[in-house]
Amino acid sequence: RELQALEYSRQRELPGSTAIDVTCQEAELYLQIGDTATAFLHLERAIEAIPVSGIGLTTEATQAASLARALRMLVALPGPKHAADRRAKYRELLRDLSGAT
């Protein structure tokens, strides 16, 4: 019931309103109860909100580390079948963030 209320409130927030470290924690909760679809959506919303997120996303160590964590979690999740192209985009973003060539 609490997670339902959380999901309801997150769906109504502006993109980038929730800190990425909090989003990772919430996604972990959904994963612990076996709700991979909601975990995927939470992480995806956060990643898609990067352009409107504050500068703290890259200047605060915890936020920058959580961004990489969110991407790692997102590419590891099965996600919806129709999201394969988006997962490929997130893998590329993760490679860019990690400096891999």
C-alpha atoms as a PDB file:
ATOM      1  CA  ARG A   1       0.000   0.000   0.000  1.00  0.00           C
ATOM      2  CA  GLU A   2       2.836   2.389   0.834  1.00  0.00           C
ATOM      3  CA  LEU A   3       4.577   1.548  -2.428  1.00  0.00           C
ATOM      4  CA  GLN A   4       1.343   2.208  -4.309  1.00  0.00           C
ATOM      5  CA  ALA A   5       1.147   5.652  -2.730  1.00  0.00           C
ATOM      6  CA  LEU A   6       4.789   6.260  -3.609  1.00  0.00           C
ATOM      7  CA  GLU A   7       4.248   5.241  -7.231  1.00  0.00           C
ATOM      8  CA  TYR A   8       1.155   7.455  -7.435  1.00  0.00           C
ATOM      9  CA  SER A   9       3.103  10.479  -6.197  1.00  0.00           C
ATOM     10  CA  ARG A  10       6.141   9.787  -8.423  1.00  0.00           C
ATOM     11  CA  GLN A  11       3.942   9.648 -11.521  1.00  0.00           C
ATOM     12  CA  ARG A  12       2.704  13.162 -10.785  1.00  0.00           C
ATOM     13  CA  GLU A  13       6.074  14.787 -10.107  1.00  0.00           C
ATOM     14  CA  LEU A  14       7.975  16.815 -12.632  1.00  0.00           C
ATOM     15  CA  PRO A  15      10.849  14.943 -14.302  1.00  0.00           C
ATOM     16  CA  GLY A  16      14.046  15.237 -12.286  1.00  0.00           C
ATOM     17  CA  SER A  17      12.235  16.193  -9.067  1.00  0.00           C
ATOM     18  CA  THR A  18      13.503  13.165  -7.158  1.00  0.00           C
ATOM     19  CA  ALA A  19      17.226  12.845  -6.476  1.00  0.00           C
ATOM     20  CA  ILE A  20      18.802   9.978  -8.398  1.00  0.00           C
ATOM     21  CA  ASP A  21      20.106   8.320  -5.226  1.00  0.00           C
ATOM     22  CA  VAL A  22      16.561   8.197  -3.847  1.00  0.00           C
ATOM     23  CA  THR A  23      15.322   6.776  -7.139  1.00  0.00           C
ATOM     24  CA  CYS A  24      17.918   3.991  -6.902  1.00  0.00           C
ATOM     25  CA  GLN A  25      16.781   3.160  -3.372  1.00  0.00           C
ATOM     26  CA  GLU A  26      13.149   3.043  -4.474  1.00  0.00           C
ATOM     27  CA  ALA A  27      14.033   0.844  -7.450  1.00  0.00           C
ATOM     28  CA  GLU A  28      15.816  -1.533  -5.057  1.00  0.00           C
ATOM     29  CA  LEU A  29      12.632  -1.781  -2.989  1.00  0.00           C
ATOM     30  CA  TYR A  30      10.629  -2.708  -6.077  1.00  0.00           C
ATOM     31  CA  LEU A  31      13.247  -5.280  -7.055  1.00  0.00           C
ATOM     32  CA  GLN A  32      13.125  -6.833  -3.581  1.00  0.00           C
ATOM     33  CA  ILE A  33       9.406  -7.482  -3.963  1.00  0.00           C
ATOM     34  CA  GLY A  34       9.886  -8.770  -7.512  1.00  0.00           C
ATOM     35  CA  ASP A  35       8.359  -5.793  -9.327  1.00  0.00           C
ATOM     36  CA  THR A  36      10.973  -5.368 -12.047  1.00  0.00           C
ATOM     37  CA  ALA A  37       8.602  -3.435 -14.319  1.00  0.00           C
ATOM     38  CA  THR A  38       8.096  -0.619 -11.806  1.00  0.00           C
ATOM     39  CA  ALA A  39      11.803  -0.586 -10.945  1.00  0.00           C
ATOM     40  CA  PHE A  40      12.591  -0.241 -14.659  1.00  0.00           C
ATOM     41  CA  LEU A  41      10.093   2.616 -15.055  1.00  0.00           C
ATOM     42  CA  HIS A  42      11.441   4.492 -12.019  1.00  0.00           C
ATOM     43  CA  LEU A  43      14.994   4.249 -13.275  1.00  0.00           C
ATOM     44  CA  GLU A  44      14.025   5.112 -16.823  1.00  0.00           C
ATOM     45  CA  ARG A  45      12.138   8.224 -15.715  1.00  0.00           C
ATOM     46  CA  ALA A  46      15.195   9.375 -13.778  1.00  0.00           C
ATOM     47  CA  ILE A  47      17.579   8.776 -16.681  1.00  0.00           C
ATOM     48  CA  GLU A  48      15.272  10.467 -19.174  1.00  0.00           C
ATOM     49  CA  ALA A  49      15.125  13.484 -16.831  1.00  0.00           C
ATOM     50  CA  ILE A  50      18.892  14.071 -17.003  1.00  0.00           C
ATOM     51  CA  PRO A  51      18.505  17.114 -19.304  1.00  0.00           C
ATOM     52  CA  VAL A  52      16.296  18.886 -16.745  1.00  0.00           C
ATOM     53  CA  SER A  53      18.077  17.686 -13.619  1.00  0.00           C
ATOM     54  CA  GLY A  54      20.072  20.170 -11.599  1.00  0.00           C
ATOM     55  CA  ILE A  55      23.813  20.595 -11.849  1.00  0.00           C
ATOM     56  CA  GLY A  56      24.166  18.601  -8.621  1.00  0.00           C
ATOM     57  CA  LEU A  57      23.631  15.464 -10.663  1.00  0.00           C
ATOM     58  CA  THR A  58      27.188  15.748 -11.943  1.00  0.00           C
ATOM     59  CA  THR A  59      28.869  17.879  -9.274  1.00  0.00           C
ATOM     60  CA  GLU A  60      27.774  16.054  -6.110  1.00  0.00           C
ATOM     61  CA  ALA A  61      29.659  12.799  -5.641  1.00  0.00           C
ATOM     62  CA  THR A  62      26.687  10.826  -4.305  1.00  0.00           C
ATOM     63  CA  GLN A  63      24.483  11.942  -7.181  1.00  0.00           C
ATOM     64  CA  ALA A  64      27.098  11.256  -9.856  1.00  0.00           C
ATOM     65  CA  ALA A  65      27.772   7.793  -8.401  1.00  0.00           C
ATOM     66  CA  SER A  66      24.043   7.121  -8.225  1.00  0.00           C
ATOM     67  CA  LEU A  67      23.656   8.115 -11.867  1.00  0.00           C
ATOM     68  CA  ALA A  68      26.114   5.393 -12.842  1.00  0.00           C
ATOM     69  CA  ARG A  69      24.385   2.969 -10.466  1.00  0.00           C
ATOM     70  CA  ALA A  70      20.971   3.778 -11.974  1.00  0.00           C
ATOM     71  CA  LEU A  71      22.298   3.128 -15.466  1.00  0.00           C
ATOM     72  CA  ARG A  72      23.882  -0.177 -14.411  1.00  0.00           C
ATOM     73  CA  MET A  73      20.622  -1.258 -12.798  1.00  0.00           C
ATOM     74  CA  LEU A  74      18.590  -0.166 -15.805  1.00  0.00           C
ATOM     75  CA  VAL A  75      20.637  -2.058 -18.384  1.00  0.00           C
ATOM     76  CA  ALA A  76      20.621  -5.179 -16.174  1.00  0.00           C
ATOM     77  CA  LEU A  77      16.833  -5.277 -15.849  1.00  0.00           C
ATOM     78  CA  PRO A  78      14.826  -7.137 -18.459  1.00  0.00           C
ATOM     79  CA  GLY A  79      12.355  -4.279 -18.898  1.00  0.00           C
ATOM     80  CA  PRO A  80       9.542  -4.352 -21.430  1.00  0.00           C
ATOM     81  CA  LYS A  81      10.199  -6.249 -24.665  1.00  0.00           C
ATOM     82  CA  HIS A  82       9.527  -3.119 -26.705  1.00  0.00           C
ATOM     83  CA  ALA A  83      12.263  -1.274 -24.784  1.00  0.00           C
ATOM     84  CA  ALA A  84      15.245  -3.088 -26.317  1.00  0.00           C
ATOM     85  CA  ASP A  85      16.294  -0.031 -28.319  1.00  0.00           C
ATOM     86  CA  ARG A  86      16.085   2.139 -25.197  1.00  0.00           C
ATOM     87  CA  ARG A  87      18.202  -0.322 -23.221  1.00  0.00           C
ATOM     88  CA  ALA A  88      20.821  -0.154 -25.978  1.00  0.00           C
ATOM     89  CA  LYS A  89      20.805   3.638 -25.630  1.00  0.00           C
ATOM     90  CA  TYR A  90      21.309   3.314 -21.862  1.00  0.00           C
ATOM     91  CA  ARG A  91      24.195   0.852 -22.364  1.00  0.00           C
ATOM     92  CA  GLU A  92      25.840   3.385 -24.677  1.00  0.00           C
ATOM     93  CA  LEU A  93      25.276   6.171 -22.154  1.00  0.00           C
ATOM     94  CA  LEU A  94      26.826   4.018 -19.419  1.00  0.00           C
ATOM     95  CA  ARG A  95      29.855   3.312 -21.640  1.00  0.00           C
ATOM     96  CA  ASP A  96      30.219   7.042 -22.308  1.00  0.00           C
ATOM     97  CA  LEU A  97      29.920   7.835 -18.611  1.00  0.00           C
ATOM     98  CA  SER A  98      32.532   5.243 -17.668  1.00  0.00           C
ATOM     99  CA  GLY A  99      34.931   6.484 -20.342  1.00  0.00           C
ATOM    100  CA  ALA A 100      35.061   3.169 -22.191  1.00  0.00           C
ATOM    101  CA  THR A 101      35.766   3.288 -25.905  1.00  0.00           C
END
